[in-house]
Amino acid sequence: LATALLIGCDDHSKPAAAAMGPMPVDVVTVQQSDVPVSNEWVGTIDGFVNAQIQPQVTGYLIKQNYREGSVVQKGQVLFEIDPRPFQATLQQAEGQLGQAKGSVGQAQAQLELAKINVNRDTPLAAEHAIAQSQLDTEKQQAAQAEANVASAQASVATAQAAIANAKINLGFTEVRSLITGVAGQATTQVGNLVGPQTILTAVSQLDPIKVYFSISDSQYLALTHRSSQGNANLLRASSDLPLTLTLANGSPFPHTGHIIFVDRQMNQQTGAIRIAASFPNPGNILRPGQFGRVQAQTEVQ
């Protein structure tokens, strides 16, 4: 009891605690708005067009006319094959054409003579001045002469075709670029025997350039709905879906792209569909084989 009284005396001796003030709070005004939802995919960069340069005739490579890694123009001569065998073939075909034309002239002369004989002896045979068998022989000779003319004319056409083919093959000794783009390293050295199966180099069109990436089934459906409101035509509505590209060093690529290809089916093993985008590439900064991250808004919540 004494202890309790002492404690009570101690409590009454302490001053009353001060009343606490209001708690400070932050106040914001909530506003409703649409929020775009973006997705990101890993993309592989490839040339817009990749052309393998292969000769169309067989021969020895005698010259390389371009600098590896440089920009080449469509139709530019990249390699030269020894043209001498093809020039000889062309000259031979031209000689055969001359012989064929000579045969045509000879056959036509024989035909004219046979016609003269028939025209002269026809009334004589009618008057029984000559034997009918002689006229029949002359008519047969005229028919044979006419057939000889046709055969000689066919030989002329064959020789002309051989000349055209020889000229084409001679032209193929200059191996030209099929597109304008950046030419790669030569895979065959001067002096080697090359043929239609030999790949001499490759040329890639880099401006614009393609970026391939794969998206999931759900992302594809969201992207389709976002682009064309359910039309399921990403190509037609590609202008409404700007794509951005982040390079491997984390810097954003300054140009936006658009979808140019959507695969015909989903990959059943991965559940994804392959898409290709086209990006402007002035200065050929992007190169085939690089990687980047493609971003696009798939939906708006």
Protein backbone atom coordinates (compact mmCIF):
# COMPACT_ATOMS: atom_id res chain seq x y z
CA LEU A 1 0.00 0.00 0.00
CA ALA A 2 2.82 2.35 0.82
CA THR A 3 4.51 1.57 -2.48
CA ALA A 4 1.30 2.26 -4.43
CA LEU A 5 0.85 5.55 -2.68
CA LEU A 6 4.39 6.56 -3.52
CA ILE A 7 3.87 5.64 -7.19
CA GLY A 8 0.65 7.62 -7.34
CA CYS A 9 2.37 10.60 -5.90
CA ASP A 10 5.10 10.33 -8.56
CA ASP A 11 2.53 10.19 -11.45
CA HIS A 12 0.70 13.29 -10.22
CA SER A 13 3.96 15.12 -9.98
CA LYS A 14 4.71 14.73 -13.82
CA PRO A 15 3.32 17.37 -16.26
CA ALA A 16 0.56 16.31 -18.72
CA ALA A 17 1.70 15.37 -22.28
CA ALA A 18 1.12 17.99 -24.96
CA ALA A 19 -1.72 17.28 -27.46
CA MET A 20 -0.49 16.08 -30.93
CA GLY A 21 -1.22 18.25 -34.01
CA PRO A 22 -2.78 17.11 -37.34
CA MET A 23 -0.77 14.65 -39.50
CA PRO A 24 0.51 16.26 -42.75
CA VAL A 25 -0.69 14.53 -45.96
CA ASP A 26 -0.14 15.07 -49.73
CA VAL A 27 -3.24 15.60 -51.81
CA VAL A 28 -3.43 15.06 -55.61
CA THR A 29 -6.31 15.37 -58.03
CA VAL A 30 -6.99 12.07 -59.88
CA GLN A 31 -7.57 12.44 -63.61
CA GLN A 32 -8.69 9.65 -65.94
CA SER A 33 -6.67 9.21 -69.16
CA ASP A 34 -5.65 6.55 -71.69
CA VAL A 35 -2.33 4.82 -71.04
CA PRO A 36 -0.47 3.23 -73.97
CA VAL A 37 1.07 -0.17 -73.27
CA SER A 38 4.32 -0.87 -75.14
CA ASN A 39 6.09 -4.14 -75.80
CA GLU A 40 9.67 -4.84 -76.73
CA TRP A 41 11.18 -7.65 -78.79
CA VAL A 42 14.70 -8.66 -79.79
CA GLY A 43 15.22 -8.04 -83.49
CA THR A 44 17.80 -9.31 -86.00
CA ILE A 45 18.93 -6.91 -88.69
CA ASP A 46 19.25 -8.11 -92.28
CA GLY A 47 19.64 -6.54 -95.70
CA PHE A 48 16.46 -5.46 -97.45
CA VAL A 49 17.64 -7.45 -100.48
CA ASN A 50 20.57 -9.87 -100.38
CA ALA A 51 21.85 -10.94 -103.79
CA GLN A 52 24.42 -13.68 -104.29
CA ILE A 53 26.66 -12.88 -107.23
CA GLN A 54 27.30 -15.99 -109.36
CA PRO A 55 28.65 -16.28 -112.91
CA GLN A 56 26.43 -17.74 -115.61
CA VAL A 57 29.26 -19.24 -117.65
CA THR A 58 32.29 -21.35 -116.81
CA GLY A 59 35.77 -19.90 -117.19
CA TYR A 60 38.85 -18.54 -115.49
CA LEU A 61 38.48 -15.42 -113.36
CA ILE A 62 40.88 -12.78 -114.67
CA LYS A 63 39.87 -9.56 -112.89
CA GLN A 64 38.06 -8.13 -109.84
CA ASN A 65 36.73 -4.62 -110.49
CA TYR A 66 35.29 -3.51 -107.14
CA ARG A 67 36.58 -2.69 -103.68
CA GLU A 68 35.32 -5.09 -101.03
CA GLY A 69 32.87 -3.45 -98.62
CA SER A 70 32.13 -0.54 -100.95
CA VAL A 71 28.84 0.56 -102.45
CA VAL A 72 28.26 -0.79 -105.96
CA GLN A 73 25.60 0.17 -108.45
CA LYS A 74 23.13 -2.05 -110.27
CA GLY A 75 24.73 -3.27 -113.50
CA GLN A 76 28.29 -2.47 -112.36
CA VAL A 77 30.90 -5.02 -113.50
CA LEU A 78 32.31 -6.74 -110.40
CA PHE A 79 34.34 -9.57 -111.99
CA GLU A 80 35.63 -10.51 -115.44
CA ILE A 81 35.99 -14.03 -116.85
CA ASP A 82 38.39 -14.85 -119.69
CA PRO A 83 36.32 -13.98 -122.81
CA ARG A 84 38.54 -15.61 -125.48
CA PRO A 85 36.73 -19.00 -125.70
CA PHE A 86 33.40 -17.21 -126.01
CA GLN A 87 34.71 -14.82 -128.66
CA ALA A 88 35.89 -17.83 -130.68
CA THR A 89 32.45 -19.45 -130.35
CA LEU A 90 30.84 -16.23 -131.57
CA GLN A 91 33.13 -16.05 -134.60
CA GLN A 92 32.38 -19.69 -135.43
CA ALA A 93 28.63 -19.00 -135.25
CA GLU A 94 29.03 -15.97 -137.52
CA GLY A 95 30.91 -18.15 -140.05
CA GLN A 96 28.11 -20.73 -139.98
CA LEU A 97 25.61 -17.98 -140.61
CA GLY A 98 27.54 -16.92 -143.73
CA GLN A 99 27.52 -20.49 -145.02
CA ALA A 100 23.81 -20.81 -144.31
CA LYS A 101 23.07 -17.62 -146.22
CA GLY A 102 25.13 -18.93 -149.15
CA SER A 103 23.12 -22.14 -149.14
CA VAL A 104 19.91 -20.12 -149.23
CA GLY A 105 21.11 -18.22 -152.29
CA GLN A 106 22.10 -21.44 -154.07
CA ALA A 107 18.79 -23.13 -153.22
CA GLN A 108 16.82 -20.13 -154.44
CA ALA A 109 18.73 -20.14 -157.73
CA GLN A 110 17.96 -23.83 -158.21
CA LEU A 111 14.31 -23.15 -157.42
CA GLU A 112 14.12 -20.34 -159.99
CA LEU A 113 15.67 -22.60 -162.64
CA ALA A 114 13.24 -25.39 -161.82
CA LYS A 115 10.29 -23.00 -162.10
CA ILE A 116 11.54 -21.79 -165.48
CA ASN A 117 11.79 -25.34 -166.75
CA VAL A 118 8.28 -26.19 -165.55
CA ASN A 119 6.76 -23.02 -167.04
CA ARG A 120 8.51 -23.66 -170.36
CA ASP A 121 7.67 -27.34 -170.70
CA THR A 122 4.10 -27.27 -169.46
CA PRO A 123 2.58 -26.12 -172.78
CA LEU A 124 4.93 -28.39 -174.69
CA ALA A 125 3.77 -31.40 -172.72
CA ALA A 126 0.17 -30.38 -173.36
CA GLU A 127 0.88 -30.44 -177.09
CA HIS A 128 2.75 -33.74 -176.71
CA ALA A 129 5.92 -32.07 -177.94
CA ILE A 130 7.78 -33.56 -174.98
CA ALA A 131 7.12 -36.55 -172.83
CA GLN A 132 4.89 -36.03 -169.82
CA SER A 133 7.44 -37.84 -167.69
CA GLN A 134 9.96 -35.09 -168.39
CA LEU A 135 7.52 -32.45 -167.11
CA ASP A 136 6.80 -34.56 -164.05
CA THR A 137 10.52 -34.81 -163.32
CA GLU A 138 10.90 -31.05 -163.64
CA LYS A 139 7.99 -30.48 -161.25
CA GLN A 140 9.57 -32.85 -158.79
CA GLN A 141 12.85 -30.99 -159.09
CA ALA A 142 11.03 -27.69 -158.44
CA ALA A 143 9.39 -29.10 -155.32
CA GLN A 144 12.75 -30.39 -154.09
CA ALA A 145 14.33 -27.02 -154.76
CA GLU A 146 11.60 -25.30 -152.77
CA ALA A 147 12.22 -27.70 -149.87
CA ASN A 148 15.93 -26.95 -150.11
CA VAL A 149 15.21 -23.25 -149.82
CA ALA A 150 13.12 -23.80 -146.70
CA SER A 151 15.85 -25.98 -145.19
CA ALA A 152 18.52 -23.38 -145.95
CA GLN A 153 16.39 -20.63 -144.41
CA ALA A 154 15.98 -22.79 -141.29
CA SER A 155 19.77 -23.15 -141.18
CA VAL A 156 20.06 -19.37 -141.30
CA ALA A 157 17.65 -19.03 -138.39
CA THR A 158 19.62 -21.64 -136.43
CA ALA A 159 22.89 -19.82 -137.12
CA GLN A 160 21.35 -16.52 -136.05
CA ALA A 161 20.18 -18.11 -132.81
CA ALA A 162 23.66 -19.51 -132.24
CA ILE A 163 25.10 -16.02 -132.72
CA ALA A 164 22.62 -14.54 -130.26
CA ASN A 165 23.47 -17.22 -127.72
CA ALA A 166 27.20 -16.71 -128.24
CA LYS A 167 26.80 -12.95 -127.70
CA ILE A 168 24.84 -13.57 -124.50
CA ASN A 169 27.53 -15.92 -123.18
CA LEU A 170 30.23 -13.42 -124.14
CA GLY A 171 28.35 -10.75 -122.21
CA PHE A 172 28.15 -13.08 -119.20
CA THR A 173 31.95 -12.99 -118.95
CA GLU A 174 31.38 -9.62 -117.27
CA VAL A 175 29.75 -10.51 -113.94
CA ARG A 176 27.56 -7.58 -112.91
CA SER A 177 25.81 -6.60 -109.71
CA LEU A 178 22.09 -7.30 -109.74
CA ILE A 179 21.23 -4.54 -107.24
CA THR A 180 22.63 -1.35 -105.76
CA GLY A 181 24.11 -2.01 -102.34
CA VAL A 182 27.19 -2.84 -100.32
CA ALA A 183 29.35 -5.61 -101.80
CA GLY A 184 30.92 -8.12 -99.46
CA GLN A 185 34.25 -9.86 -99.47
CA ALA A 186 35.16 -11.86 -102.58
CA THR A 187 35.08 -15.58 -101.92
CA THR A 188 37.12 -16.54 -105.00
CA GLN A 189 40.50 -15.26 -106.08
CA VAL A 190 41.59 -14.16 -109.55
CA GLY A 191 42.92 -17.13 -111.52
CA ASN A 192 40.42 -19.66 -110.21
CA LEU A 193 38.08 -21.62 -112.45
CA VAL A 194 34.52 -20.53 -111.71
CA GLY A 195 31.11 -21.69 -112.89
CA PRO A 196 27.39 -21.17 -112.36
CA GLN A 197 27.61 -22.91 -108.95
CA THR A 198 30.37 -20.60 -107.70
CA ILE A 199 29.39 -17.76 -105.33
CA LEU A 200 31.77 -14.88 -106.02
CA THR A 201 30.41 -12.43 -103.43
CA ALA A 202 27.15 -11.02 -102.06
CA VAL A 203 25.58 -7.58 -102.35
CA SER A 204 23.08 -6.30 -99.78
CA GLN A 205 20.71 -3.38 -100.13
CA LEU A 206 21.01 -1.56 -96.78
CA ASP A 207 18.82 1.51 -97.23
CA PRO A 208 16.14 0.72 -96.25
CA ILE A 209 17.02 -2.25 -94.06
CA LYS A 210 14.96 -5.07 -92.55
CA VAL A 211 14.61 -6.04 -88.90
CA TYR A 212 13.10 -9.46 -88.10
CA PHE A 213 11.48 -10.18 -84.75
CA SER A 214 8.93 -12.61 -83.30
CA ILE A 215 5.93 -11.80 -81.12
CA SER A 216 3.62 -14.03 -79.11
CA ASP A 217 0.09 -14.97 -80.12
CA SER A 218 -1.50 -12.63 -77.56
CA GLN A 219 0.77 -9.74 -78.57
CA TYR A 220 -0.05 -10.35 -82.21
CA LEU A 221 -3.79 -10.18 -81.48
CA ALA A 222 -3.35 -7.01 -79.41
CA LEU A 223 -1.22 -5.44 -82.13
CA THR A 224 -3.75 -6.33 -84.79
CA HIS A 225 -6.60 -4.84 -82.79
CA ARG A 226 -4.52 -1.76 -82.06
CA SER A 227 -3.60 -1.21 -85.70
CA SER A 228 -6.75 -1.88 -87.66
CA GLN A 229 -9.52 -2.37 -85.14
CA GLY A 230 -9.88 -6.06 -85.81
CA ASN A 231 -9.13 -6.10 -89.56
CA ALA A 232 -6.23 -8.48 -88.97
CA ASN A 233 -4.21 -6.64 -91.63
CA LEU A 234 -1.03 -5.30 -90.14
CA LEU A 235 0.45 -4.54 -93.55
CA ARG A 236 -2.36 -2.24 -94.63
CA ALA A 237 -2.37 -0.41 -91.29
CA SER A 238 1.41 -0.39 -90.82
CA SER A 239 1.57 3.42 -91.02
CA ASP A 240 -0.55 3.58 -87.85
CA LEU A 241 2.00 1.45 -85.98
CA PRO A 242 5.33 3.28 -85.84
CA LEU A 243 8.15 1.09 -84.58
CA THR A 244 11.24 2.28 -82.74
CA LEU A 245 14.61 0.58 -82.55
CA THR A 246 17.15 0.59 -79.74
CA LEU A 247 20.66 -0.41 -80.72
CA ALA A 248 22.99 -2.78 -78.87
CA ASN A 249 24.75 0.08 -77.08
CA GLY A 250 21.44 1.34 -75.68
CA SER A 251 21.14 4.36 -77.99
CA PRO A 252 17.85 4.88 -79.82
CA PHE A 253 17.91 4.70 -83.60
CA PRO A 254 16.76 8.11 -84.87
CA HIS A 255 14.38 6.76 -87.55
CA THR A 256 11.09 4.96 -87.05
CA GLY A 257 10.07 1.89 -89.03
CA HIS A 258 6.93 0.09 -90.11
CA ILE A 259 5.82 -3.51 -90.63
CA ILE A 260 6.35 -4.91 -94.13
CA PHE A 261 5.97 -8.66 -93.59
CA VAL A 262 3.87 -10.93 -91.36
CA ASP A 263 4.43 -14.67 -91.58
CA ARG A 264 1.54 -16.79 -92.79
CA GLN A 265 1.34 -18.91 -89.64
CA MET A 266 2.32 -19.18 -86.01
CA ASN A 267 5.28 -21.30 -85.01
CA GLN A 268 3.60 -24.17 -83.18
CA GLN A 269 6.70 -24.92 -81.13
CA THR A 270 7.25 -21.38 -79.83
CA GLY A 271 3.74 -19.94 -80.11
CA ALA A 272 5.15 -16.88 -81.88
CA ILE A 273 4.82 -15.35 -85.32
CA ARG A 274 7.65 -13.80 -87.32
CA ILE A 275 7.40 -10.18 -88.43
CA ALA A 276 9.73 -8.00 -90.51
CA ALA A 277 9.99 -4.23 -90.23
CA SER A 278 11.60 -1.74 -92.58
CA PHE A 279 13.74 1.11 -91.25
CA PRO A 280 15.40 3.92 -93.19
CA ASN A 281 19.17 3.54 -92.96
CA PRO A 282 20.92 6.60 -94.37
CA GLY A 283 24.66 6.22 -94.30
CA ASN A 284 24.34 2.42 -93.98
CA ILE A 285 24.80 2.63 -90.20
CA LEU A 286 22.89 -0.60 -89.59
CA ARG A 287 24.42 -3.77 -90.99
CA PRO A 288 23.13 -7.35 -91.43
CA GLY A 289 23.77 -9.51 -88.41
CA GLN A 290 23.32 -6.78 -85.80
CA PHE A 291 20.79 -7.06 -82.99
CA GLY A 292 18.44 -4.46 -81.55
CA ARG A 293 15.28 -4.07 -79.51
CA VAL A 294 12.09 -3.21 -81.38
CA GLN A 295 9.35 -1.37 -79.48
CA ALA A 296 5.73 -0.78 -80.42
CA GLN A 297 2.49 0.15 -78.67
CA THR A 298 0.36 -2.97 -78.64
CA GLU A 299 -2.71 -1.55 -76.88
CA VAL A 300 -4.14 1.44 -75.05
CA GLN A 301 -5.77 0.96 -71.65
